[in-house]
Amino acid sequence: MKLALDDACLQPADIGHLNAHGLGDPEVDIQESLAIHDVFGPLTETLPVTAFKSYWGNPGSSCGTLEIVGSLLGLEHGLVMPTLNYETPDPKCPLNVVHGEPLKVTNKTFLKISVTRAGQASAVVMSGI
């Protein structure tokens, strides 16, 4: 995430939302949350986070691409789409998860995180139209 921000010449405060890997596995989600906190620090409290696997499960290698498209389509309408079925926050993953209704936003720059079971990780900064 830090390298993606550096490559885009952006600071954490420039990101409008984070599209998390959001696997729904407690151990993986805790590690992802810790990494997000490491990069975004106190901004993590207000940074909107969404996870699209809640819509279609884990389609494997196409997942990152689908999730980027999900953010871009939402941002066409000035929205961050909610994470489905998110009802009870996990205190071990203190993130500002968008849930219930879409969130209206004006900042159309987002960071997408993807990871694999083998420990590979990628992050890309994108901007909607």
N, C-alpha and C. Protein backbone atom coordinates (compact mmCIF):
# COMPACT_ATOMS: atom_id res chain seq x y z
N MET A 1 0.83 -1.19 0.00
CA MET A 1 0.00 0.00 0.00
C MET A 1 0.87 1.25 0.00
N LYS A 2 1.94 1.22 0.81
CA LYS A 2 2.83 2.38 0.85
C LYS A 2 3.49 2.61 -0.50
N LEU A 3 3.92 1.55 -1.15
CA LEU A 3 4.56 1.68 -2.47
C LEU A 3 3.57 2.18 -3.52
N ALA A 4 2.33 1.71 -3.45
CA ALA A 4 1.31 2.17 -4.40
C ALA A 4 1.06 3.67 -4.23
N LEU A 5 0.99 4.12 -2.98
CA LEU A 5 0.81 5.55 -2.72
C LEU A 5 2.02 6.34 -3.22
N ASP A 6 3.22 5.82 -2.94
CA ASP A 6 4.44 6.49 -3.41
C ASP A 6 4.46 6.58 -4.94
N ASP A 7 4.13 5.47 -5.62
CA ASP A 7 4.12 5.46 -7.08
C ASP A 7 3.13 6.47 -7.66
N ALA A 8 2.03 6.68 -6.95
CA ALA A 8 1.01 7.63 -7.40
C ALA A 8 1.30 9.06 -6.92
N CYS A 9 2.40 9.23 -6.17
CA CYS A 9 2.76 10.54 -5.61
C CYS A 9 1.63 11.09 -4.73
N LEU A 10 1.04 10.19 -3.94
CA LEU A 10 -0.07 10.57 -3.05
C LEU A 10 0.26 10.24 -1.61
N GLN A 11 -0.44 10.90 -0.72
CA GLN A 11 -0.37 10.64 0.72
C GLN A 11 -1.63 9.89 1.14
N PRO A 12 -1.61 9.21 2.28
CA PRO A 12 -2.82 8.52 2.74
C PRO A 12 -4.07 9.41 2.77
N ALA A 13 -3.91 10.68 3.12
CA ALA A 13 -5.05 11.59 3.20
C ALA A 13 -5.68 11.87 1.84
N ASP A 14 -4.99 11.53 0.74
CA ASP A 14 -5.52 11.76 -0.60
C ASP A 14 -6.50 10.67 -1.05
N ILE A 15 -6.59 9.59 -0.30
CA ILE A 15 -7.43 8.45 -0.68
C ILE A 15 -8.86 8.67 -0.19
N GLY A 16 -9.81 8.50 -1.10
CA GLY A 16 -11.22 8.69 -0.76
C GLY A 16 -11.88 7.47 -0.16
N HIS A 17 -11.46 6.29 -0.59
CA HIS A 17 -11.94 5.05 0.05
C HIS A 17 -10.97 3.92 -0.24
N LEU A 18 -11.10 2.89 0.53
CA LEU A 18 -10.26 1.72 0.39
C LEU A 18 -11.14 0.54 0.02
N ASN A 19 -10.77 -0.14 -1.04
CA ASN A 19 -11.48 -1.35 -1.46
C ASN A 19 -10.64 -2.51 -0.94
N ALA A 20 -11.07 -3.08 0.18
CA ALA A 20 -10.30 -4.10 0.88
C ALA A 20 -10.40 -5.46 0.21
N HIS A 21 -9.44 -6.31 0.51
CA HIS A 21 -9.52 -7.70 0.06
C HIS A 21 -10.75 -8.34 0.72
N GLY A 22 -10.94 -8.08 2.00
CA GLY A 22 -12.17 -8.47 2.71
C GLY A 22 -12.59 -9.91 2.52
N LEU A 23 -11.70 -10.82 2.83
CA LEU A 23 -11.97 -12.23 2.60
C LEU A 23 -13.08 -12.79 3.49
N GLY A 24 -13.28 -12.21 4.66
CA GLY A 24 -14.28 -12.74 5.58
C GLY A 24 -13.73 -13.86 6.46
N ASP A 25 -12.43 -14.07 6.42
CA ASP A 25 -11.74 -15.02 7.29
C ASP A 25 -11.15 -14.20 8.44
N PRO A 26 -11.54 -14.51 9.68
CA PRO A 26 -11.09 -13.66 10.80
C PRO A 26 -9.59 -13.43 10.86
N GLU A 27 -8.79 -14.43 10.68
CA GLU A 27 -7.33 -14.26 10.77
C GLU A 27 -6.81 -13.37 9.65
N VAL A 28 -7.28 -13.60 8.43
CA VAL A 28 -6.83 -12.80 7.28
C VAL A 28 -7.33 -11.36 7.43
N ASP A 29 -8.56 -11.19 7.85
CA ASP A 29 -9.12 -9.84 8.00
C ASP A 29 -8.39 -9.05 9.09
N ILE A 30 -8.00 -9.71 10.17
CA ILE A 30 -7.25 -9.02 11.22
C ILE A 30 -5.92 -8.52 10.68
N GLN A 31 -5.21 -9.37 9.93
CA GLN A 31 -3.93 -8.96 9.36
C GLN A 31 -4.11 -7.81 8.37
N GLU A 32 -5.17 -7.86 7.58
CA GLU A 32 -5.43 -6.78 6.64
C GLU A 32 -5.73 -5.48 7.39
N SER A 33 -6.52 -5.57 8.44
CA SER A 33 -6.84 -4.40 9.25
C SER A 33 -5.58 -3.79 9.87
N LEU A 34 -4.69 -4.64 10.37
CA LEU A 34 -3.44 -4.15 10.95
C LEU A 34 -2.60 -3.42 9.90
N ALA A 35 -2.55 -3.97 8.69
CA ALA A 35 -1.79 -3.33 7.62
C ALA A 35 -2.40 -1.98 7.24
N ILE A 36 -3.72 -1.92 7.19
CA ILE A 36 -4.40 -0.66 6.88
C ILE A 36 -4.09 0.38 7.95
N HIS A 37 -4.14 -0.02 9.20
CA HIS A 37 -3.81 0.90 10.30
C HIS A 37 -2.36 1.36 10.21
N ASP A 38 -1.46 0.47 9.81
CA ASP A 38 -0.05 0.83 9.68
C ASP A 38 0.13 1.92 8.64
N VAL A 39 -0.60 1.85 7.54
CA VAL A 39 -0.45 2.82 6.45
C VAL A 39 -1.23 4.10 6.73
N PHE A 40 -2.46 3.98 7.21
CA PHE A 40 -3.34 5.14 7.33
C PHE A 40 -3.39 5.75 8.72
N GLY A 41 -2.85 5.07 9.72
CA GLY A 41 -2.80 5.62 11.08
C GLY A 41 -4.15 6.13 11.54
N PRO A 42 -4.18 7.33 12.13
CA PRO A 42 -5.45 7.87 12.65
C PRO A 42 -6.52 8.10 11.58
N LEU A 43 -6.11 8.22 10.32
CA LEU A 43 -7.08 8.40 9.24
C LEU A 43 -7.98 7.18 9.08
N THR A 44 -7.53 6.03 9.59
CA THR A 44 -8.29 4.79 9.47
C THR A 44 -9.68 4.93 10.07
N GLU A 45 -9.82 5.76 11.09
CA GLU A 45 -11.12 5.93 11.76
C GLU A 45 -12.18 6.48 10.82
N THR A 46 -11.78 7.30 9.85
CA THR A 46 -12.76 7.93 8.96
C THR A 46 -12.70 7.44 7.51
N LEU A 47 -11.65 6.73 7.15
CA LEU A 47 -11.50 6.25 5.78
C LEU A 47 -12.57 5.21 5.46
N PRO A 48 -13.44 5.48 4.48
CA PRO A 48 -14.46 4.48 4.13
C PRO A 48 -13.80 3.23 3.52
N VAL A 49 -14.25 2.08 3.98
CA VAL A 49 -13.73 0.79 3.51
C VAL A 49 -14.89 -0.04 3.00
N THR A 50 -14.72 -0.64 1.84
CA THR A 50 -15.73 -1.55 1.30
C THR A 50 -15.06 -2.85 0.92
N ALA A 51 -15.85 -3.92 0.86
CA ALA A 51 -15.33 -5.23 0.48
C ALA A 51 -16.38 -5.92 -0.40
N PHE A 52 -16.05 -6.09 -1.66
CA PHE A 52 -17.02 -6.60 -2.63
C PHE A 52 -17.16 -8.11 -2.70
N LYS A 53 -16.30 -8.85 -2.02
CA LYS A 53 -16.50 -10.30 -1.99
C LYS A 53 -17.85 -10.63 -1.37
N SER A 54 -18.39 -9.69 -0.62
CA SER A 54 -19.72 -9.89 -0.03
C SER A 54 -20.79 -9.98 -1.11
N TYR A 55 -20.51 -9.52 -2.32
CA TYR A 55 -21.47 -9.59 -3.41
C TYR A 55 -21.36 -10.89 -4.20
N TRP A 56 -20.13 -11.37 -4.45
CA TRP A 56 -19.98 -12.50 -5.36
C TRP A 56 -19.05 -13.60 -4.85
N GLY A 57 -18.63 -13.53 -3.60
CA GLY A 57 -17.72 -14.54 -3.08
C GLY A 57 -16.31 -14.27 -3.57
N ASN A 58 -15.51 -15.32 -3.65
CA ASN A 58 -14.12 -15.17 -4.06
C ASN A 58 -13.90 -15.83 -5.42
N PRO A 59 -13.95 -15.06 -6.49
CA PRO A 59 -13.78 -15.63 -7.83
C PRO A 59 -12.32 -15.84 -8.23
N GLY A 60 -11.44 -15.99 -7.26
CA GLY A 60 -10.04 -16.30 -7.55
C GLY A 60 -9.29 -15.17 -8.20
N SER A 61 -8.57 -15.49 -9.26
CA SER A 61 -7.66 -14.52 -9.86
C SER A 61 -8.36 -13.32 -10.49
N SER A 62 -9.64 -13.41 -10.75
CA SER A 62 -10.36 -12.27 -11.33
C SER A 62 -10.88 -11.30 -10.27
N CYS A 63 -10.70 -11.66 -9.02
CA CYS A 63 -11.31 -10.89 -7.94
C CYS A 63 -10.88 -9.42 -7.91
N GLY A 64 -9.58 -9.17 -7.97
CA GLY A 64 -9.11 -7.79 -7.91
C GLY A 64 -9.68 -6.93 -9.02
N THR A 65 -9.73 -7.48 -10.22
CA THR A 65 -10.27 -6.74 -11.36
C THR A 65 -11.75 -6.44 -11.16
N LEU A 66 -12.52 -7.43 -10.74
CA LEU A 66 -13.95 -7.22 -10.48
C LEU A 66 -14.16 -6.15 -9.42
N GLU A 67 -13.35 -6.18 -8.37
CA GLU A 67 -13.52 -5.22 -7.28
C GLU A 67 -13.15 -3.81 -7.70
N ILE A 68 -12.14 -3.68 -8.57
CA ILE A 68 -11.81 -2.36 -9.11
C ILE A 68 -12.99 -1.83 -9.92
N VAL A 69 -13.56 -2.68 -10.77
CA VAL A 69 -14.72 -2.27 -11.57
C VAL A 69 -15.87 -1.85 -10.65
N GLY A 70 -16.08 -2.59 -9.55
CA GLY A 70 -17.14 -2.23 -8.60
C GLY A 70 -16.95 -0.83 -8.04
N SER A 71 -15.72 -0.50 -7.66
CA SER A 71 -15.46 0.85 -7.15
C SER A 71 -15.65 1.89 -8.24
N LEU A 72 -15.14 1.62 -9.44
CA LEU A 72 -15.27 2.59 -10.52
C LEU A 72 -16.73 2.85 -10.89
N LEU A 73 -17.54 1.79 -10.94
CA LEU A 73 -18.96 1.96 -11.25
C LEU A 73 -19.67 2.78 -10.18
N GLY A 74 -19.37 2.51 -8.93
CA GLY A 74 -19.97 3.30 -7.85
C GLY A 74 -19.56 4.75 -7.94
N LEU A 75 -18.28 4.99 -8.20
CA LEU A 75 -17.78 6.36 -8.26
C LEU A 75 -18.34 7.14 -9.44
N GLU A 76 -18.77 6.45 -10.49
CA GLU A 76 -19.46 7.16 -11.59
C GLU A 76 -20.67 7.90 -11.07
N HIS A 77 -21.24 7.40 -9.99
CA HIS A 77 -22.44 7.99 -9.38
C HIS A 77 -22.11 8.70 -8.07
N GLY A 78 -20.81 8.87 -7.78
CA GLY A 78 -20.40 9.54 -6.56
C GLY A 78 -20.65 8.72 -5.31
N LEU A 79 -20.58 7.38 -5.44
CA LEU A 79 -20.91 6.50 -4.32
C LEU A 79 -19.82 5.47 -4.06
N VAL A 80 -19.69 5.10 -2.79
CA VAL A 80 -18.95 3.91 -2.41
C VAL A 80 -20.02 2.90 -2.02
N MET A 81 -20.01 1.78 -2.70
CA MET A 81 -21.02 0.76 -2.44
C MET A 81 -20.75 0.07 -1.10
N PRO A 82 -21.81 -0.33 -0.41
CA PRO A 82 -21.64 -0.93 0.91
C PRO A 82 -21.16 -2.39 0.84
N THR A 83 -20.62 -2.84 1.93
CA THR A 83 -20.29 -4.25 2.12
C THR A 83 -21.57 -4.94 2.54
N LEU A 84 -21.97 -5.96 1.81
CA LEU A 84 -23.21 -6.67 2.13
C LEU A 84 -23.05 -7.53 3.40
N ASN A 85 -24.14 -7.71 4.11
CA ASN A 85 -24.20 -8.60 5.28
C ASN A 85 -23.25 -8.20 6.40
N TYR A 86 -22.81 -6.97 6.43
CA TYR A 86 -21.95 -6.48 7.51
C TYR A 86 -22.85 -5.88 8.57
N GLU A 87 -22.94 -6.54 9.70
CA GLU A 87 -23.85 -6.09 10.76
C GLU A 87 -23.13 -5.80 12.07
N THR A 88 -22.23 -6.66 12.46
CA THR A 88 -21.57 -6.52 13.76
C THR A 88 -20.07 -6.30 13.56
N PRO A 89 -19.57 -5.11 13.86
CA PRO A 89 -18.14 -4.86 13.70
C PRO A 89 -17.32 -5.78 14.60
N ASP A 90 -16.21 -6.25 14.08
CA ASP A 90 -15.27 -7.05 14.86
C ASP A 90 -14.31 -6.09 15.55
N PRO A 91 -14.25 -6.10 16.88
CA PRO A 91 -13.35 -5.17 17.57
C PRO A 91 -11.88 -5.39 17.22
N LYS A 92 -11.54 -6.56 16.65
CA LYS A 92 -10.17 -6.82 16.24
C LYS A 92 -9.87 -6.23 14.86
N CYS A 93 -10.91 -5.75 14.18
CA CYS A 93 -10.77 -5.13 12.85
C CYS A 93 -11.46 -3.77 12.86
N PRO A 94 -10.94 -2.82 13.62
CA PRO A 94 -11.61 -1.52 13.73
C PRO A 94 -11.44 -0.66 12.47
N LEU A 95 -12.34 -0.88 11.53
CA LEU A 95 -12.33 -0.13 10.28
C LEU A 95 -13.68 0.56 10.09
N ASN A 96 -13.69 1.59 9.27
CA ASN A 96 -14.92 2.34 8.95
C ASN A 96 -15.59 1.68 7.73
N VAL A 97 -16.19 0.52 7.96
CA VAL A 97 -16.77 -0.27 6.88
C VAL A 97 -18.09 0.35 6.41
N VAL A 98 -18.18 0.62 5.12
CA VAL A 98 -19.42 1.13 4.54
C VAL A 98 -20.41 -0.03 4.51
N HIS A 99 -21.57 0.16 5.12
CA HIS A 99 -22.59 -0.90 5.15
C HIS A 99 -23.97 -0.26 5.18
N GLY A 100 -24.97 -1.06 4.89
CA GLY A 100 -26.34 -0.54 4.85
C GLY A 100 -26.62 0.12 3.52
N GLU A 101 -26.33 1.39 3.43
CA GLU A 101 -26.59 2.19 2.23
C GLU A 101 -25.28 2.61 1.58
N PRO A 102 -25.29 2.88 0.27
CA PRO A 102 -24.09 3.44 -0.36
C PRO A 102 -23.72 4.77 0.30
N LEU A 103 -22.45 5.08 0.30
CA LEU A 103 -21.95 6.32 0.89
C LEU A 103 -21.66 7.33 -0.21
N LYS A 104 -22.25 8.52 -0.11
CA LYS A 104 -21.97 9.58 -1.08
C LYS A 104 -20.58 10.14 -0.81
N VAL A 105 -19.80 10.27 -1.88
CA VAL A 105 -18.43 10.79 -1.76
C VAL A 105 -18.13 11.74 -2.91
N THR A 106 -17.16 12.60 -2.69
CA THR A 106 -16.68 13.47 -3.76
C THR A 106 -15.26 13.10 -4.17
N ASN A 107 -14.50 12.52 -3.27
CA ASN A 107 -13.13 12.09 -3.57
C ASN A 107 -13.20 10.76 -4.30
N LYS A 108 -12.78 10.75 -5.55
CA LYS A 108 -12.91 9.55 -6.39
C LYS A 108 -11.60 8.78 -6.55
N THR A 109 -10.67 9.02 -5.64
CA THR A 109 -9.41 8.27 -5.65
C THR A 109 -9.50 7.17 -4.61
N PHE A 110 -9.14 5.94 -5.00
CA PHE A 110 -9.24 4.83 -4.05
C PHE A 110 -8.03 3.93 -4.15
N LEU A 111 -7.85 3.14 -3.12
CA LEU A 111 -6.78 2.16 -3.06
C LEU A 111 -7.42 0.78 -3.01
N LYS A 112 -6.99 -0.12 -3.87
CA LYS A 112 -7.49 -1.50 -3.92
C LYS A 112 -6.40 -2.42 -3.42
N ILE A 113 -6.75 -3.29 -2.47
CA ILE A 113 -5.81 -4.27 -1.91
C ILE A 113 -6.26 -5.66 -2.33
N SER A 114 -5.30 -6.50 -2.74
CA SER A 114 -5.57 -7.91 -3.02
C SER A 114 -4.45 -8.74 -2.43
N VAL A 115 -4.79 -9.92 -1.93
CA VAL A 115 -3.79 -10.84 -1.39
C VAL A 115 -4.12 -12.26 -1.84
N THR A 116 -3.13 -13.15 -1.72
CA THR A 116 -3.35 -14.55 -2.04
C THR A 116 -3.05 -15.40 -0.81
N ARG A 117 -3.49 -16.63 -0.84
CA ARG A 117 -3.18 -17.56 0.25
C ARG A 117 -1.69 -17.81 0.36
N ALA A 118 -0.97 -17.62 -0.72
CA ALA A 118 0.48 -17.85 -0.73
C ALA A 118 1.25 -16.67 -0.13
N GLY A 119 0.54 -15.63 0.28
CA GLY A 119 1.19 -14.48 0.91
C GLY A 119 1.56 -13.36 -0.04
N GLN A 120 1.19 -13.48 -1.30
CA GLN A 120 1.43 -12.39 -2.25
C GLN A 120 0.41 -11.29 -1.99
N ALA A 121 0.82 -10.06 -2.20
CA ALA A 121 -0.08 -8.93 -2.01
C ALA A 121 0.15 -7.90 -3.09
N SER A 122 -0.93 -7.22 -3.46
CA SER A 122 -0.81 -6.13 -4.41
C SER A 122 -1.72 -5.00 -3.96
N ALA A 123 -1.36 -3.81 -4.38
CA ALA A 123 -2.17 -2.64 -4.09
C ALA A 123 -2.05 -1.70 -5.28
N VAL A 124 -3.13 -1.09 -5.64
CA VAL A 124 -3.13 -0.16 -6.76
C VAL A 124 -4.00 1.04 -6.39
N VAL A 125 -3.54 2.21 -6.78
CA VAL A 125 -4.31 3.44 -6.58
C VAL A 125 -5.01 3.73 -7.90
N MET A 126 -6.31 3.98 -7.82
CA MET A 126 -7.12 4.28 -9.01
C MET A 126 -7.92 5.55 -8.74
N SER A 127 -8.39 6.16 -9.81
CA SER A 127 -9.26 7.31 -9.69
C SER A 127 -10.42 7.19 -10.65
N GLY A 128 -11.63 7.37 -10.12
CA GLY A 128 -12.83 7.32 -10.94
C GLY A 128 -13.00 8.59 -11.75
N ILE A 129 -13.88 8.54 -12.70
CA ILE A 129 -14.13 9.67 -13.60
C ILE A 129 -15.00 10.70 -12.90
